[in-house]
Amino acid sequence: MNESEQNEWLGSFLTDMDIGRLESVSVSVTPNRSLGLIELLESWQNHVLRIEAETGLPDSNRTVWVAYDLIAALALRSLVHRGMKKAESDYLEGFMRALDDVDSRFIQFTENDEPGIVRHLDDGGRSDDEWWWDRVPQLGPIRRDIDRINLSS
C-alpha cells in the first residue's frame, strides 16, 4: 500500500486531530527507540498485507517471509496493544475501528496454532489476551516453515 492509500485508509477511521494525538503516544520498541501508536498501527497493517500477499508464493522465492518474520509482525501487534493502554480512551474509538479492520483481515487468512509453535518460538511470556500469538497463516511460506519447525521439534 503506497503512502497515499495508507493516508486514505487511516483517514477513513480517524480525524487529523486524533491521528496527531495518537501519534504522540510513544511506545518503547528498544531501549533507544520509540514509535508512535499510529506508526505502529500502520506497520502492523503493512505486515498483515505482506503476509497475506505472500500466501501464494513458493518457498523458492528468496524474498518470502518465514516464521520469524511472523514473530516480528506479532510483536508489532503487541506493541500496538501496549500503546493502546497508554492512550486516552477518548481518542481510541476510530483507532479501534482501524485496528479491527487490520485484525479482521489477519484472522481471515489465519487459523488457530493448535500446537502453539508461534508462542514457543517467541518465548516472550505473552499474556493470554494477546490472541494474535495463537494464529498462523493457513497456507504459504510462513505456514510451511512453521510446519517444518513443528516436525523437527
Protein backbone atom coordinates (compact mmCIF):
# COMPACT_ATOMS: atom_id res chain seq x y z
CA MET A 1 0.00 0.00 0.00
CA ASN A 2 1.52 3.33 -1.01
CA GLU A 3 1.55 6.38 1.28
CA SER A 4 -1.49 7.97 -0.36
CA GLU A 5 -3.55 4.79 0.04
CA GLN A 6 -2.30 4.46 3.62
CA ASN A 7 -3.37 8.02 4.43
CA GLU A 8 -6.77 7.49 2.81
CA TRP A 9 -7.29 4.25 4.75
CA LEU A 10 -6.31 5.84 8.05
CA GLY A 11 -8.40 8.95 7.31
CA SER A 12 -11.48 6.78 6.88
CA PHE A 13 -11.23 5.94 10.60
CA LEU A 14 -9.50 8.90 12.26
CA THR A 15 -9.54 12.68 12.09
CA ASP A 16 -6.27 14.57 11.65
CA MET A 17 -6.55 15.71 15.27
CA ASP A 18 -6.99 12.13 16.51
CA ILE A 19 -4.03 11.00 14.39
CA GLY A 20 -1.85 13.73 15.91
CA ARG A 21 -2.88 12.87 19.45
CA LEU A 22 -2.38 9.14 18.99
CA GLU A 23 0.93 9.55 17.19
CA SER A 24 2.19 11.35 20.28
CA VAL A 25 1.54 8.19 22.32
CA SER A 26 5.06 6.82 22.39
CA VAL A 27 5.80 3.10 22.77
CA SER A 28 9.30 1.90 23.55
CA VAL A 29 10.45 -0.56 20.89
CA THR A 30 14.05 -0.89 22.06
CA PRO A 31 15.88 0.85 24.90
CA ASN A 32 16.92 3.58 22.46
CA ARG A 33 13.91 3.78 20.15
CA SER A 34 10.23 4.58 20.49
CA LEU A 35 7.46 4.69 17.91
CA GLY A 36 4.10 6.44 17.91
CA LEU A 37 0.88 4.47 18.10
CA ILE A 38 -0.19 5.44 14.58
CA GLU A 39 3.15 4.34 13.11
CA LEU A 40 2.79 1.01 14.93
CA LEU A 41 -0.73 0.52 13.56
CA GLU A 42 0.46 1.27 10.03
CA SER A 43 3.38 -1.14 10.46
CA TRP A 44 1.02 -3.87 11.69
CA GLN A 45 -1.20 -3.27 8.68
CA ASN A 46 1.75 -3.40 6.26
CA HIS A 47 2.96 -6.66 7.80
CA VAL A 48 -0.50 -8.22 7.57
CA LEU A 49 -0.84 -7.17 3.93
CA ARG A 50 2.56 -8.61 3.04
CA ILE A 51 1.99 -11.91 4.84
CA GLU A 52 -1.37 -12.27 3.10
CA ALA A 53 0.09 -11.37 -0.30
CA GLU A 54 2.80 -14.00 0.07
CA THR A 55 0.49 -16.91 0.87
CA GLY A 56 0.52 -17.98 -2.78
CA LEU A 57 4.27 -17.69 -3.33
CA PRO A 58 6.64 -20.68 -3.49
CA ASP A 59 9.37 -21.22 -0.91
CA SER A 60 11.92 -20.91 -3.72
CA ASN A 61 11.18 -17.18 -3.89
CA ARG A 62 14.04 -15.76 -1.83
CA THR A 63 12.06 -12.69 -0.77
CA VAL A 64 9.30 -14.54 1.11
CA TRP A 65 8.95 -14.20 4.82
CA VAL A 66 9.30 -17.15 7.20
CA ALA A 67 8.22 -17.98 10.75
CA TYR A 68 10.46 -15.42 12.42
CA ASP A 69 9.03 -12.67 10.22
CA LEU A 70 5.61 -13.65 11.55
CA ILE A 71 7.04 -13.35 15.08
CA ALA A 72 8.20 -9.81 14.24
CA ALA A 73 4.74 -8.92 12.92
CA LEU A 74 3.04 -10.30 16.03
CA ALA A 75 5.48 -8.39 18.23
CA LEU A 76 4.34 -5.22 16.42
CA ARG A 77 0.74 -6.09 17.23
CA SER A 78 1.75 -6.49 20.89
CA LEU A 79 3.33 -3.04 20.81
CA VAL A 80 0.04 -1.65 19.47
CA HIS A 81 -1.72 -3.38 22.36
CA ARG A 82 0.70 -1.86 24.86
CA GLY A 83 0.34 1.60 23.32
CA MET A 84 -3.44 1.49 23.49
CA LYS A 85 -3.18 1.10 27.26
CA LYS A 86 -1.25 4.39 27.38
CA ALA A 87 -3.64 6.35 25.15
CA GLU A 88 -6.58 8.41 26.36
CA SER A 89 -9.71 6.37 25.73
CA ASP A 90 -11.50 9.44 24.29
CA TYR A 91 -9.36 9.17 21.15
CA LEU A 92 -9.43 5.41 20.68
CA GLU A 93 -12.83 4.86 19.02
CA GLY A 94 -11.65 5.42 15.44
CA PHE A 95 -8.32 3.79 16.21
CA MET A 96 -10.13 0.67 17.41
CA ARG A 97 -12.16 0.53 14.19
CA ALA A 98 -8.94 0.78 12.14
CA LEU A 99 -7.27 -1.88 14.27
CA ASP A 100 -10.33 -4.13 13.95
CA ASP A 101 -10.09 -3.73 10.17
CA VAL A 102 -6.50 -5.00 10.17
CA ASP A 103 -7.14 -7.71 12.75
CA SER A 104 -10.15 -8.98 10.77
CA ARG A 105 -8.02 -9.25 7.67
CA PHE A 106 -5.37 -11.17 9.64
CA ILE A 107 -7.99 -13.55 11.04
CA GLN A 108 -9.39 -14.27 7.55
CA PHE A 109 -6.22 -15.92 6.25
CA THR A 110 -5.00 -17.47 9.50
CA GLU A 111 -6.13 -20.27 11.75
CA ASN A 112 -5.55 -21.40 15.32
CA ASP A 113 -1.98 -22.53 16.05
CA GLU A 114 -3.02 -25.79 17.74
CA PRO A 115 0.49 -26.96 18.72
CA GLY A 116 1.45 -23.47 19.93
CA ILE A 117 4.57 -23.28 17.77
CA VAL A 118 4.47 -19.48 17.46
CA ARG A 119 4.33 -18.89 21.21
CA HIS A 120 7.09 -21.46 21.67
CA LEU A 121 9.31 -19.75 19.08
CA ASP A 122 8.69 -16.34 20.64
CA ASP A 123 9.21 -17.49 24.22
CA GLY A 124 8.11 -14.00 25.20
CA GLY A 125 5.77 -14.86 28.04
CA ARG A 126 2.84 -13.25 26.22
CA SER A 127 -0.44 -12.85 28.05
CA ASP A 128 -3.46 -14.91 27.09
CA ASP A 129 -5.36 -11.81 25.92
CA GLU A 130 -2.83 -11.42 23.08
CA TRP A 131 -4.85 -13.74 20.81
CA TRP A 132 -2.73 -12.97 17.71
CA TRP A 133 0.06 -15.15 19.13
CA ASP A 134 -2.27 -18.14 18.65
CA ARG A 135 -2.77 -17.64 14.89
CA VAL A 136 -0.79 -18.89 11.88
CA PRO A 137 -1.39 -18.48 8.15
CA GLN A 138 -3.48 -21.30 6.70
CA LEU A 139 -1.04 -21.70 3.83
CA GLY A 140 2.02 -20.17 2.25
CA PRO A 141 5.74 -19.98 3.00
CA ILE A 142 5.32 -18.94 6.63
CA ARG A 143 2.94 -21.83 7.26
CA ARG A 144 5.25 -24.34 5.60
CA ASP A 145 8.17 -23.03 7.67
CA ILE A 146 6.13 -23.38 10.87
CA ASP A 147 5.13 -26.92 9.85
CA ARG A 148 8.82 -27.79 9.28
CA ILE A 149 9.73 -26.40 12.69
CA ASN A 150 6.89 -28.36 14.29
CA LEU A 151 8.07 -31.60 12.67
CA SER A 152 11.64 -31.11 13.83
CA SER A 153 10.62 -30.35 17.45
